[in-house]
Each structure stands twice: as C-alpha cells, then as structure tokens.
Amino acid sequence: MKKTILSTLSTLTITALFFATQTISAQEPVEKKQDTISQNQEIEEGFSEIEVIALPQAIKDAVMIDFSAIASKAWVNHTGDKKVYKLSIQTSGDPKIVYADKEGNWIKKEDI
C-alpha cells in the first residue's frame, strides 16, 4: 500500500515539474522577440536613445511652451552635421511622438 502511494506521488511530482518547465520555456522567446522588435525599430529609424536631461534647453522650453508637457523619453539621430531629436511626450493622457531640431523647431516626420 505504501509503495503504491509513493509511486503515485512521485509520478505526479515528475509530471507537474515537466509541465511547469514547458510553460516557462514557452514564455521566454516571446519576451525576447518583443525586445528585439523594439531595438530593431530604433536601429531602422537611425535614432539612439538618450537621457531626457541631455536634451538642449531650447527643446525642453519648446515642449513646455507648445505642449505644456515634458518629455518622458528622448532619442537623437545624427545625420551629418544635423541632429534630429525624437521625443515621447504625454499630452491629455495620450503619449505623442514629436521631432525637433537642436534649436527647438518642430520637424514633420516626413521631412526627416
């Protein structure tokens, strides 16, 4: 009787461990894939992420004056001697992406 109970318990334990391992393994590639997509998108656009504090003061002022907001994320694209900044700002609860030059002039995405 004891052998039957121990055998059943060990079989259940092994089965539970097997399925738990399969579930964890199946979830890992999804997270890695999302990170890869995010990194590839930045590389394709030519922008590299920078600290918001590193933005030129003219851009910070323009965001505050024109949108009454602050940038939550920032990227920069060096094209020759020209720098284009990509900013993620929060206006009216919705995140918005805007582009500016180093003087704080707004640029349309099509003009980049």
PDB file of N, CA and C in Angstrom:
ATOM      1  N   MET A   1       0.820  -1.191   0.000  1.00  0.00           N
ATOM      2  CA  MET A   1       0.000   0.000   0.000  1.00  0.00           C
ATOM      3  C   MET A   1       0.870   1.263   0.000  1.00  0.00           C
ATOM      4  N   LYS A   2       1.916   1.292   0.855  1.00  0.00           N
ATOM      5  CA  LYS A   2       2.791   2.446   0.927  1.00  0.00           C
ATOM      6  C   LYS A   2       3.527   2.634  -0.399  1.00  0.00           C
ATOM      7  N   LYS A   3       3.950   1.535  -1.019  1.00  0.00           N
ATOM      8  CA  LYS A   3       4.676   1.619  -2.280  1.00  0.00           C
ATOM      9  C   LYS A   3       3.793   2.207  -3.379  1.00  0.00           C
ATOM     10  N   THR A   4       2.533   1.865  -3.388  1.00  0.00           N
ATOM     11  CA  THR A   4       1.608   2.372  -4.394  1.00  0.00           C
ATOM     12  C   THR A   4       1.403   3.876  -4.225  1.00  0.00           C
ATOM     13  N   ILE A   5       1.255   4.322  -2.994  1.00  0.00           N
ATOM     14  CA  ILE A   5       1.059   5.751  -2.720  1.00  0.00           C
ATOM     15  C   ILE A   5       2.320   6.532  -3.077  1.00  0.00           C
ATOM     16  N   LEU A   6       3.485   6.028  -2.684  1.00  0.00           N
ATOM     17  CA  LEU A   6       4.738   6.714  -3.004  1.00  0.00           C
ATOM     18  C   LEU A   6       4.979   6.750  -4.510  1.00  0.00           C
ATOM     19  N   SER A   7       4.669   5.678  -5.179  1.00  0.00           N
ATOM     20  CA  SER A   7       4.833   5.627  -6.625  1.00  0.00           C
ATOM     21  C   SER A   7       3.921   6.635  -7.319  1.00  0.00           C
ATOM     22  N   THR A   8       2.693   6.726  -6.867  1.00  0.00           N
ATOM     23  CA  THR A   8       1.738   7.673  -7.449  1.00  0.00           C
ATOM     24  C   THR A   8       2.168   9.114  -7.197  1.00  0.00           C
ATOM     25  N   LEU A   9       2.618   9.409  -5.972  1.00  0.00           N
ATOM     26  CA  LEU A   9       3.067  10.757  -5.629  1.00  0.00           C
ATOM     27  C   LEU A   9       4.291  11.158  -6.447  1.00  0.00           C
ATOM     28  N   SER A  10       5.240  10.250  -6.597  1.00  0.00           N
ATOM     29  CA  SER A  10       6.438  10.595  -7.366  1.00  0.00           C
ATOM     30  C   SER A  10       6.093  10.803  -8.841  1.00  0.00           C
ATOM     31  N   THR A  11       5.159  10.020  -9.381  1.00  0.00           N
ATOM     32  CA  THR A  11       4.730  10.201 -10.770  1.00  0.00           C
ATOM     33  C   THR A  11       4.049  11.549 -10.952  1.00  0.00           C
ATOM     34  N   LEU A  12       3.189  11.920 -10.016  1.00  0.00           N
ATOM     35  CA  LEU A  12       2.515  13.214 -10.091  1.00  0.00           C
ATOM     36  C   LEU A  12       3.518  14.369  -9.980  1.00  0.00           C
ATOM     37  N   THR A  13       4.496  14.227  -9.101  1.00  0.00           N
ATOM     38  CA  THR A  13       5.510  15.264  -8.926  1.00  0.00           C
ATOM     39  C   THR A  13       6.326  15.443 -10.194  1.00  0.00           C
ATOM     40  N   ILE A  14       6.754  14.362 -10.786  1.00  0.00           N
ATOM     41  CA  ILE A  14       7.547  14.426 -12.020  1.00  0.00           C
ATOM     42  C   ILE A  14       6.723  15.042 -13.148  1.00  0.00           C
ATOM     43  N   THR A  15       5.472  14.661 -13.252  1.00  0.00           N
ATOM     44  CA  THR A  15       4.591  15.207 -14.291  1.00  0.00           C
ATOM     45  C   THR A  15       4.389  16.705 -14.092  1.00  0.00           C
ATOM     46  N   ALA A  16       4.163  17.128 -12.851  1.00  0.00           N
ATOM     47  CA  ALA A  16       3.960  18.549 -12.558  1.00  0.00           C
ATOM     48  C   ALA A  16       5.216  19.345 -12.897  1.00  0.00           C
ATOM     49  N   LEU A  17       6.384  18.833 -12.542  1.00  0.00           N
ATOM     50  CA  LEU A  17       7.638  19.524 -12.863  1.00  0.00           C
ATOM     51  C   LEU A  17       7.850  19.613 -14.373  1.00  0.00           C
ATOM     52  N   PHE A  18       7.509  18.562 -15.084  1.00  0.00           N
ATOM     53  CA  PHE A  18       7.657  18.558 -16.532  1.00  0.00           C
ATOM     54  C   PHE A  18       6.807  19.662 -17.171  1.00  0.00           C
ATOM     55  N   PHE A  19       5.526  19.762 -16.778  1.00  0.00           N
ATOM     56  CA  PHE A  19       4.653  20.771 -17.380  1.00  0.00           C
ATOM     57  C   PHE A  19       5.030  22.183 -16.945  1.00  0.00           C
ATOM     58  N   ALA A  20       5.502  22.354 -15.720  1.00  0.00           N
ATOM     59  CA  ALA A  20       5.935  23.676 -15.268  1.00  0.00           C
ATOM     60  C   ALA A  20       7.135  24.142 -16.071  1.00  0.00           C
ATOM     61  N   THR A  21       8.058  23.263 -16.351  1.00  0.00           N
ATOM     62  CA  THR A  21       9.234  23.604 -17.142  1.00  0.00           C
ATOM     63  C   THR A  21       8.845  23.962 -18.570  1.00  0.00           C
ATOM     64  N   GLN A  22       7.914  23.240 -19.146  1.00  0.00           N
ATOM     65  CA  GLN A  22       7.478  23.520 -20.512  1.00  0.00           C
ATOM     66  C   GLN A  22       6.801  24.885 -20.608  1.00  0.00           C
ATOM     67  N   THR A  23       6.032  25.262 -19.621  1.00  0.00           N
ATOM     68  CA  THR A  23       5.347  26.545 -19.625  1.00  0.00           C
ATOM     69  C   THR A  23       6.351  27.685 -19.566  1.00  0.00           C
ATOM     70  N   ILE A  24       7.350  27.589 -18.716  1.00  0.00           N
ATOM     71  CA  ILE A  24       8.356  28.630 -18.589  1.00  0.00           C
ATOM     72  C   ILE A  24       9.151  28.755 -19.876  1.00  0.00           C
ATOM     73  N   SER A  25       9.544  27.668 -20.457  1.00  0.00           N
ATOM     74  CA  SER A  25      10.308  27.703 -21.696  1.00  0.00           C
ATOM     75  C   SER A  25       9.510  28.312 -22.828  1.00  0.00           C
ATOM     76  N   ALA A  26       8.220  28.064 -22.869  1.00  0.00           N
ATOM     77  CA  ALA A  26       7.394  28.586 -23.951  1.00  0.00           C
ATOM     78  C   ALA A  26       7.217  30.090 -23.849  1.00  0.00           C
ATOM     79  N   GLN A  27       7.308  30.672 -22.652  1.00  0.00           N
ATOM     80  CA  GLN A  27       7.089  32.099 -22.488  1.00  0.00           C
ATOM     81  C   GLN A  27       8.339  32.923 -22.742  1.00  0.00           C
ATOM     82  N   GLU A  28       9.509  32.403 -22.562  1.00  0.00           N
ATOM     83  CA  GLU A  28      10.738  33.177 -22.707  1.00  0.00           C
ATOM     84  C   GLU A  28      10.950  33.757 -24.099  1.00  0.00           C
ATOM     85  N   PRO A  29      10.776  33.006 -25.184  1.00  0.00           N
ATOM     86  CA  PRO A  29      11.031  33.576 -26.501  1.00  0.00           C
ATOM     87  C   PRO A  29      10.142  34.758 -26.854  1.00  0.00           C
ATOM     88  N   VAL A  30       8.932  34.827 -26.337  1.00  0.00           N
ATOM     89  CA  VAL A  30       8.031  35.931 -26.643  1.00  0.00           C
ATOM     90  C   VAL A  30       8.610  37.234 -26.121  1.00  0.00           C
ATOM     91  N   GLU A  31       9.117  37.245 -24.895  1.00  0.00           N
ATOM     92  CA  GLU A  31       9.693  38.449 -24.323  1.00  0.00           C
ATOM     93  C   GLU A  31      10.929  38.871 -25.100  1.00  0.00           C
ATOM     94  N   LYS A  32      11.780  37.934 -25.460  1.00  0.00           N
ATOM     95  CA  LYS A  32      12.982  38.258 -26.213  1.00  0.00           C
ATOM     96  C   LYS A  32      12.621  38.821 -27.575  1.00  0.00           C
ATOM     97  N   LYS A  33      11.574  38.291 -28.200  1.00  0.00           N
ATOM     98  CA  LYS A  33      11.155  38.748 -29.517  1.00  0.00           C
ATOM     99  C   LYS A  33      10.681  40.191 -29.440  1.00  0.00           C
ATOM    100  N   GLN A  34       9.927  40.565 -28.399  1.00  0.00           N
ATOM    101  CA  GLN A  34       9.448  41.930 -28.261  1.00  0.00           C
ATOM    102  C   GLN A  34      10.605  42.896 -28.085  1.00  0.00           C
ATOM    103  N   ASP A  35      11.627  42.526 -27.287  1.00  0.00           N
ATOM    104  CA  ASP A  35      12.801  43.372 -27.113  1.00  0.00           C
ATOM    105  C   ASP A  35      13.525  43.557 -28.435  1.00  0.00           C
ATOM    106  N   THR A  36      13.647  42.498 -29.212  1.00  0.00           N
ATOM    107  CA  THR A  36      14.328  42.562 -30.493  1.00  0.00           C
ATOM    108  C   THR A  36      13.586  43.484 -31.450  1.00  0.00           C
ATOM    109  N   ILE A  37      12.265  43.416 -31.477  1.00  0.00           N
ATOM    110  CA  ILE A  37      11.478  44.290 -32.349  1.00  0.00           C
ATOM    111  C   ILE A  37      11.698  45.741 -31.963  1.00  0.00           C
ATOM    112  N   SER A  38      11.678  46.046 -30.669  1.00  0.00           N
ATOM    113  CA  SER A  38      11.876  47.411 -30.203  1.00  0.00           C
ATOM    114  C   SER A  38      13.260  47.928 -30.593  1.00  0.00           C
ATOM    115  N   GLN A  39      14.290  47.120 -30.405  1.00  0.00           N
ATOM    116  CA  GLN A  39      15.646  47.529 -30.751  1.00  0.00           C
ATOM    117  C   GLN A  39      15.790  47.705 -32.252  1.00  0.00           C
ATOM    118  N   ASN A  40      15.213  46.803 -33.043  1.00  0.00           N
ATOM    119  CA  ASN A  40      15.303  46.905 -34.492  1.00  0.00           C
ATOM    120  C   ASN A  40      14.597  48.145 -35.003  1.00  0.00           C
ATOM    121  N   GLN A  41      13.482  48.505 -34.402  1.00  0.00           N
ATOM    122  CA  GLN A  41      12.745  49.681 -34.839  1.00  0.00           C
ATOM    123  C   GLN A  41      13.603  50.929 -34.653  1.00  0.00           C
ATOM    124  N   GLU A  42      14.302  51.035 -33.517  1.00  0.00           N
ATOM    125  CA  GLU A  42      15.164  52.185 -33.285  1.00  0.00           C
ATOM    126  C   GLU A  42      16.314  52.203 -34.280  1.00  0.00           C
ATOM    127  N   ILE A  43      16.907  51.051 -34.562  1.00  0.00           N
ATOM    128  CA  ILE A  43      18.021  50.985 -35.488  1.00  0.00           C
ATOM    129  C   ILE A  43      17.560  51.366 -36.891  1.00  0.00           C
ATOM    130  N   GLU A  44      16.389  50.876 -37.317  1.00  0.00           N
ATOM    131  CA  GLU A  44      15.873  51.185 -38.642  1.00  0.00           C
ATOM    132  C   GLU A  44      15.647  52.675 -38.811  1.00  0.00           C
ATOM    133  N   GLU A  45      15.150  53.331 -37.793  1.00  0.00           N
ATOM    134  CA  GLU A  45      14.891  54.758 -37.877  1.00  0.00           C
ATOM    135  C   GLU A  45      16.177  55.571 -37.729  1.00  0.00           C
ATOM    136  N   GLY A  46      17.245  54.985 -37.231  1.00  0.00           N
ATOM    137  CA  GLY A  46      18.503  55.689 -37.064  1.00  0.00           C
ATOM    138  C   GLY A  46      18.604  56.484 -35.776  1.00  0.00           C
ATOM    139  N   PHE A  47      17.674  56.317 -34.876  1.00  0.00           N
ATOM    140  CA  PHE A  47      17.684  57.049 -33.616  1.00  0.00           C
ATOM    141  C   PHE A  47      18.292  56.191 -32.518  1.00  0.00           C
ATOM    142  N   SER A  48      19.052  56.822 -31.641  1.00  0.00           N
ATOM    143  CA  SER A  48      19.562  56.129 -30.465  1.00  0.00           C
ATOM    144  C   SER A  48      19.053  56.859 -29.228  1.00  0.00           C
ATOM    145  N   GLU A  49      18.672  56.094 -28.219  1.00  0.00           N
ATOM    146  CA  GLU A  49      18.063  56.668 -27.017  1.00  0.00           C
ATOM    147  C   GLU A  49      19.086  57.457 -26.213  1.00  0.00           C
ATOM    148  N   ILE A  50      18.646  58.580 -25.689  1.00  0.00           N
ATOM    149  CA  ILE A  50      19.481  59.421 -24.827  1.00  0.00           C
ATOM    150  C   ILE A  50      18.683  59.782 -23.580  1.00  0.00           C
ATOM    151  N   GLU A  51      19.368  60.296 -22.588  1.00  0.00           N
ATOM    152  CA  GLU A  51      18.703  60.762 -21.367  1.00  0.00           C
ATOM    153  C   GLU A  51      17.948  62.054 -21.678  1.00  0.00           C
ATOM    154  N   VAL A  52      16.764  62.204 -21.110  1.00  0.00           N
ATOM    155  CA  VAL A  52      15.958  63.408 -21.329  1.00  0.00           C
ATOM    156  C   VAL A  52      16.707  64.641 -20.833  1.00  0.00           C
ATOM    157  N   ILE A  53      17.451  64.474 -19.781  1.00  0.00           N
ATOM    158  CA  ILE A  53      18.198  65.604 -19.223  1.00  0.00           C
ATOM    159  C   ILE A  53      19.280  66.113 -20.187  1.00  0.00           C
ATOM    160  N   ALA A  54      19.682  65.271 -21.136  1.00  0.00           N
ATOM    161  CA  ALA A  54      20.720  65.652 -22.106  1.00  0.00           C
ATOM    162  C   ALA A  54      20.162  66.460 -23.284  1.00  0.00           C
ATOM    163  N   LEU A  55      18.849  66.657 -23.326  1.00  0.00           N
ATOM    164  CA  LEU A  55      18.250  67.447 -24.400  1.00  0.00           C
ATOM    165  C   LEU A  55      18.693  68.905 -24.312  1.00  0.00           C
ATOM    166  N   PRO A  56      18.869  69.572 -25.451  1.00  0.00           N
ATOM    167  CA  PRO A  56      19.167  71.010 -25.413  1.00  0.00           C
ATOM    168  C   PRO A  56      18.032  71.775 -24.730  1.00  0.00           C
ATOM    169  N   GLN A  57      18.387  72.835 -24.033  1.00  0.00           N
ATOM    170  CA  GLN A  57      17.396  73.617 -23.288  1.00  0.00           C
ATOM    171  C   GLN A  57      16.314  74.178 -24.209  1.00  0.00           C
ATOM    172  N   ALA A  58      16.670  74.530 -25.436  1.00  0.00           N
ATOM    173  CA  ALA A  58      15.685  75.071 -26.385  1.00  0.00           C
ATOM    174  C   ALA A  58      14.562  74.066 -26.652  1.00  0.00           C
ATOM    175  N   ILE A  59      14.900  72.792 -26.716  1.00  0.00           N
ATOM    176  CA  ILE A  59      13.885  71.763 -26.950  1.00  0.00           C
ATOM    177  C   ILE A  59      13.004  71.599 -25.722  1.00  0.00           C
ATOM    178  N   LYS A  60      13.616  71.586 -24.535  1.00  0.00           N
ATOM    179  CA  LYS A  60      12.831  71.457 -23.304  1.00  0.00           C
ATOM    180  C   LYS A  60      11.844  72.613 -23.175  1.00  0.00           C
ATOM    181  N   ASP A  61      12.312  73.828 -23.498  1.00  0.00           N
ATOM    182  CA  ASP A  61      11.448  75.006 -23.426  1.00  0.00           C
ATOM    183  C   ASP A  61      10.307  74.907 -24.436  1.00  0.00           C
ATOM    184  N   ALA A  62      10.610  74.474 -25.656  1.00  0.00           N
ATOM    185  CA  ALA A  62       9.589  74.370 -26.700  1.00  0.00           C
ATOM    186  C   ALA A  62       8.507  73.357 -26.315  1.00  0.00           C
ATOM    187  N   VAL A  63       8.904  72.245 -25.729  1.00  0.00           N
ATOM    188  CA  VAL A  63       7.929  71.234 -25.293  1.00  0.00           C
ATOM    189  C   VAL A  63       7.019  71.818 -24.218  1.00  0.00           C
ATOM    190  N   MET A  64       7.611  72.538 -23.284  1.00  0.00           N
ATOM    191  CA  MET A  64       6.835  73.115 -22.188  1.00  0.00           C
ATOM    192  C   MET A  64       5.889  74.209 -22.695  1.00  0.00           C
ATOM    193  N   ILE A  65       6.373  75.063 -23.586  1.00  0.00           N
ATOM    194  CA  ILE A  65       5.551  76.174 -24.088  1.00  0.00           C
ATOM    195  C   ILE A  65       4.453  75.674 -25.038  1.00  0.00           C
ATOM    196  N   ASP A  66       4.833  74.839 -26.003  1.00  0.00           N
ATOM    197  CA  ASP A  66       3.886  74.438 -27.038  1.00  0.00           C
ATOM    198  C   ASP A  66       2.928  73.330 -26.610  1.00  0.00           C
ATOM    199  N   PHE A  67       3.360  72.459 -25.704  1.00  0.00           N
ATOM    200  CA  PHE A  67       2.528  71.321 -25.315  1.00  0.00           C
ATOM    201  C   PHE A  67       2.158  71.305 -23.834  1.00  0.00           C
ATOM    202  N   SER A  68       2.717  72.196 -23.048  1.00  0.00           N
ATOM    203  CA  SER A  68       2.528  72.195 -21.588  1.00  0.00           C
ATOM    204  C   SER A  68       2.820  70.807 -21.023  1.00  0.00           C
ATOM    205  N   ALA A  69       3.932  70.241 -21.444  1.00  0.00           N
ATOM    206  CA  ALA A  69       4.308  68.886 -21.041  1.00  0.00           C
ATOM    207  C   ALA A  69       5.823  68.807 -20.918  1.00  0.00           C
ATOM    208  N   ILE A  70       6.288  67.633 -20.509  1.00  0.00           N
ATOM    209  CA  ILE A  70       7.722  67.362 -20.504  1.00  0.00           C
ATOM    210  C   ILE A  70       7.954  66.051 -21.250  1.00  0.00           C
ATOM    211  N   ALA A  71       9.145  65.892 -21.764  1.00  0.00           N
ATOM    212  CA  ALA A  71       9.476  64.670 -22.498  1.00  0.00           C
ATOM    213  C   ALA A  71       9.716  63.539 -21.509  1.00  0.00           C
ATOM    214  N   SER A  72       9.179  62.349 -21.825  1.00  0.00           N
ATOM    215  CA  SER A  72       9.396  61.190 -20.968  1.00  0.00           C
ATOM    216  C   SER A  72      10.518  60.307 -21.514  1.00  0.00           C
ATOM    217  N   LYS A  73      10.728  60.357 -22.835  1.00  0.00           N
ATOM    218  CA  LYS A  73      11.824  59.631 -23.474  1.00  0.00           C
ATOM    219  C   LYS A  73      12.369  60.492 -24.596  1.00  0.00           C
ATOM    220  N   ALA A  74      13.642  60.264 -24.925  1.00  0.00           N
ATOM    221  CA  ALA A  74      14.257  61.047 -25.998  1.00  0.00           C
ATOM    222  C   ALA A  74      15.237  60.190 -26.787  1.00  0.00           C
ATOM    223  N   TRP A  75      15.313  60.467 -28.087  1.00  0.00           N
ATOM    224  CA  TRP A  75      16.256  59.804 -28.984  1.00  0.00           C
ATOM    225  C   TRP A  75      16.888  60.874 -29.859  1.00  0.00           C
ATOM    226  N   VAL A  76      18.050  60.572 -30.400  1.00  0.00           N
ATOM    227  CA  VAL A  76      18.718  61.508 -31.301  1.00  0.00           C
ATOM    228  C   VAL A  76      19.191  60.757 -32.537  1.00  0.00           C
ATOM    229  N   ASN A  77      19.163  61.462 -33.673  1.00  0.00           N
ATOM    230  CA  ASN A  77      19.632  60.918 -34.938  1.00  0.00           C
ATOM    231  C   ASN A  77      20.662  61.893 -35.484  1.00  0.00           C
ATOM    232  N   HIS A  78      21.888  61.429 -35.637  1.00  0.00           N
ATOM    233  CA  HIS A  78      22.960  62.253 -36.196  1.00  0.00           C
ATOM    234  C   HIS A  78      23.004  62.012 -37.705  1.00  0.00           C
ATOM    235  N   THR A  79      22.650  63.017 -38.470  1.00  0.00           N
ATOM    236  CA  THR A  79      22.715  62.918 -39.921  1.00  0.00           C
ATOM    237  C   THR A  79      23.694  63.984 -40.400  1.00  0.00           C
ATOM    238  N   GLY A  80      24.939  63.581 -40.594  1.00  0.00           N
ATOM    239  CA  GLY A  80      25.967  64.549 -40.974  1.00  0.00           C
ATOM    240  C   GLY A  80      26.183  65.541 -39.843  1.00  0.00           C
ATOM    241  N   ASP A  81      26.060  66.835 -40.136  1.00  0.00           N
ATOM    242  CA  ASP A  81      26.218  67.868 -39.104  1.00  0.00           C
ATOM    243  C   ASP A  81      24.884  68.251 -38.471  1.00  0.00           C
ATOM    244  N   LYS A  82      23.815  67.591 -38.893  1.00  0.00           N
ATOM    245  CA  LYS A  82      22.466  67.897 -38.409  1.00  0.00           C
ATOM    246  C   LYS A  82      22.022  66.859 -37.380  1.00  0.00           C
ATOM    247  N   LYS A  83      21.417  67.325 -36.284  1.00  0.00           N
ATOM    248  CA  LYS A  83      20.853  66.432 -35.266  1.00  0.00           C
ATOM    249  C   LYS A  83      19.343  66.604 -35.256  1.00  0.00           C
ATOM    250  N   VAL A  84      18.643  65.476 -35.253  1.00  0.00           N
ATOM    251  CA  VAL A  84      17.191  65.490 -35.127  1.00  0.00           C
ATOM    252  C   VAL A  84      16.854  64.729 -33.846  1.00  0.00           C
ATOM    253  N   TYR A  85      16.007  65.342 -33.030  1.00  0.00           N
ATOM    254  CA  TYR A  85      15.607  64.738 -31.775  1.00  0.00           C
ATOM    255  C   TYR A  85      14.182  64.207 -31.894  1.00  0.00           C
ATOM    256  N   LYS A  86      13.980  62.998 -31.392  1.00  0.00           N
ATOM    257  CA  LYS A  86      12.662  62.367 -31.342  1.00  0.00           C
ATOM    258  C   LYS A  86      12.270  62.318 -29.872  1.00  0.00           C
ATOM    259  N   LEU A  87      11.076  62.832 -29.564  1.00  0.00           N
ATOM    260  CA  LEU A  87      10.637  62.926 -28.175  1.00  0.00           C
ATOM    261  C   LEU A  87       9.309  62.212 -27.981  1.00  0.00           C
ATOM    262  N   SER A  88       9.169  61.557 -26.862  1.00  0.00           N
ATOM    263  CA  SER A  88       7.893  60.987 -26.454  1.00  0.00           C
ATOM    264  C   SER A  88       7.371  61.868 -25.332  1.00  0.00           C
ATOM    265  N   ILE A  89       6.233  62.499 -25.579  1.00  0.00           N
ATOM    266  CA  ILE A  89       5.639  63.380 -24.570  1.00  0.00           C
ATOM    267  C   ILE A  89       4.236  62.908 -24.256  1.00  0.00           C
ATOM    268  N   GLN A  90       3.740  63.279 -23.091  1.00  0.00           N
ATOM    269  CA  GLN A  90       2.402  62.883 -22.641  1.00  0.00           C
ATOM    270  C   GLN A  90       1.522  64.123 -22.659  1.00  0.00           C
ATOM    271  N   THR A  91       0.532  64.134 -23.577  1.00  0.00           N
ATOM    272  CA  THR A  91      -0.418  65.244 -23.638  1.00  0.00           C
ATOM    273  C   THR A  91      -1.826  64.689 -23.534  1.00  0.00           C
ATOM    274  N   SER A  92      -2.601  65.233 -22.657  1.00  0.00           N
ATOM    275  CA  SER A  92      -4.003  64.808 -22.453  1.00  0.00           C
ATOM    276  C   SER A  92      -4.119  63.303 -22.234  1.00  0.00           C
ATOM    277  N   GLY A  93      -3.137  62.724 -21.558  1.00  0.00           N
ATOM    278  CA  GLY A  93      -3.190  61.302 -21.235  1.00  0.00           C
ATOM    279  C   GLY A  93      -2.701  60.380 -22.332  1.00  0.00           C
ATOM    280  N   ASP A  94      -2.527  60.881 -23.550  1.00  0.00           N
ATOM    281  CA  ASP A  94      -2.066  60.043 -24.651  1.00  0.00           C
ATOM    282  C   ASP A  94      -0.611  60.354 -24.977  1.00  0.00           C
ATOM    283  N   PRO A  95       0.240  59.323 -25.103  1.00  0.00           N
ATOM    284  CA  PRO A  95       1.618  59.589 -25.488  1.00  0.00           C
ATOM    285  C   PRO A  95       1.674  60.053 -26.947  1.00  0.00           C
ATOM    286  N   LYS A  96       2.593  60.957 -27.219  1.00  0.00           N
ATOM    287  CA  LYS A  96       2.720  61.527 -28.559  1.00  0.00           C
ATOM    288  C   LYS A  96       4.205  61.589 -28.912  1.00  0.00           C
ATOM    289  N   ILE A  97       4.529  61.290 -30.170  1.00  0.00           N
ATOM    290  CA  ILE A  97       5.901  61.376 -30.654  1.00  0.00           C
ATOM    291  C   ILE A  97       6.031  62.635 -31.496  1.00  0.00           C
ATOM    292  N   VAL A  98       7.027  63.458 -31.158  1.00  0.00           N
ATOM    293  CA  VAL A  98       7.304  64.677 -31.923  1.00  0.00           C
ATOM    294  C   VAL A  98       8.790  64.723 -32.260  1.00  0.00           C
ATOM    295  N   TYR A  99       9.135  65.518 -33.262  1.00  0.00           N
ATOM    296  CA  TYR A  99      10.514  65.645 -33.719  1.00  0.00           C
ATOM    297  C   TYR A  99      10.906  67.108 -33.696  1.00  0.00           C
ATOM    298  N   ALA A 100      12.169  67.373 -33.336  1.00  0.00           N
ATOM    299  CA  ALA A 100      12.647  68.754 -33.267  1.00  0.00           C
ATOM    300  C   ALA A 100      14.127  68.817 -33.624  1.00  0.00           C
ATOM    301  N   ASP A 101      14.561  70.022 -34.036  1.00  0.00           N
ATOM    302  CA  ASP A 101      15.993  70.226 -34.243  1.00  0.00           C
ATOM    303  C   ASP A 101      16.584  70.779 -32.950  1.00  0.00           C
ATOM    304  N   LYS A 102      17.888  71.053 -32.944  1.00  0.00           N
ATOM    305  CA  LYS A 102      18.538  71.460 -31.685  1.00  0.00           C
ATOM    306  C   LYS A 102      18.111  72.846 -31.205  1.00  0.00           C
ATOM    307  N   GLU A 103      17.503  73.647 -32.093  1.00  0.00           N
ATOM    308  CA  GLU A 103      17.021  74.975 -31.701  1.00  0.00           C
ATOM    309  C   GLU A 103      15.597  74.944 -31.156  1.00  0.00           C
ATOM    310  N   GLY A 104      14.959  73.773 -31.168  1.00  0.00           N
ATOM    311  CA  GLY A 104      13.599  73.648 -30.651  1.00  0.00           C
ATOM    312  C   GLY A 104      12.531  73.888 -31.702  1.00  0.00           C
ATOM    313  N   ASN A 105      12.916  73.867 -32.975  1.00  0.00           N
ATOM    314  CA  ASN A 105      11.944  74.000 -34.064  1.00  0.00           C
ATOM    315  C   ASN A 105      11.361  72.634 -34.369  1.00  0.00           C
ATOM    316  N   TRP A 106      10.028  72.555 -34.532  1.00  0.00           N
ATOM    317  CA  TRP A 106       9.369  71.285 -34.777  1.00  0.00           C
ATOM    318  C   TRP A 106       9.575  70.860 -36.221  1.00  0.00           C
ATOM    319  N   ILE A 107       9.760  69.545 -36.402  1.00  0.00           N
ATOM    320  CA  ILE A 107      10.003  68.966 -37.721  1.00  0.00           C
ATOM    321  C   ILE A 107       8.942  67.896 -37.954  1.00  0.00           C
ATOM    322  N   LYS A 108       8.406  67.863 -39.164  1.00  0.00           N
ATOM    323  CA  LYS A 108       7.457  66.802 -39.529  1.00  0.00           C
ATOM    324  C   LYS A 108       8.259  65.527 -39.802  1.00  0.00           C
ATOM    325  N   LYS A 109       7.663  64.380 -39.489  1.00  0.00           N
ATOM    326  CA  LYS A 109       8.343  63.113 -39.691  1.00  0.00           C
ATOM    327  C   LYS A 109       8.733  62.926 -41.154  1.00  0.00           C
ATOM    328  N   GLU A 110       7.921  63.403 -42.064  1.00  0.00           N
ATOM    329  CA  GLU A 110       8.201  63.262 -43.490  1.00  0.00           C
ATOM    330  C   GLU A 110       9.443  64.042 -43.918  1.00  0.00           C
ATOM    331  N   ASP A 111       9.791  65.097 -43.165  1.00  0.00           N
ATOM    332  CA  ASP A 111      10.927  65.953 -43.526  1.00  0.00           C
ATOM    333  C   ASP A 111      12.257  65.459 -42.964  1.00  0.00           C
ATOM    334  N   ILE A 112      12.210  64.369 -42.239  1.00  0.00           N
ATOM    335  CA  ILE A 112      13.447  63.866 -41.613  1.00  0.00           C
ATOM    336  C   ILE A 112      14.298  63.153 -42.634  1.00  0.00           C
TER     337      ILE A 112
END
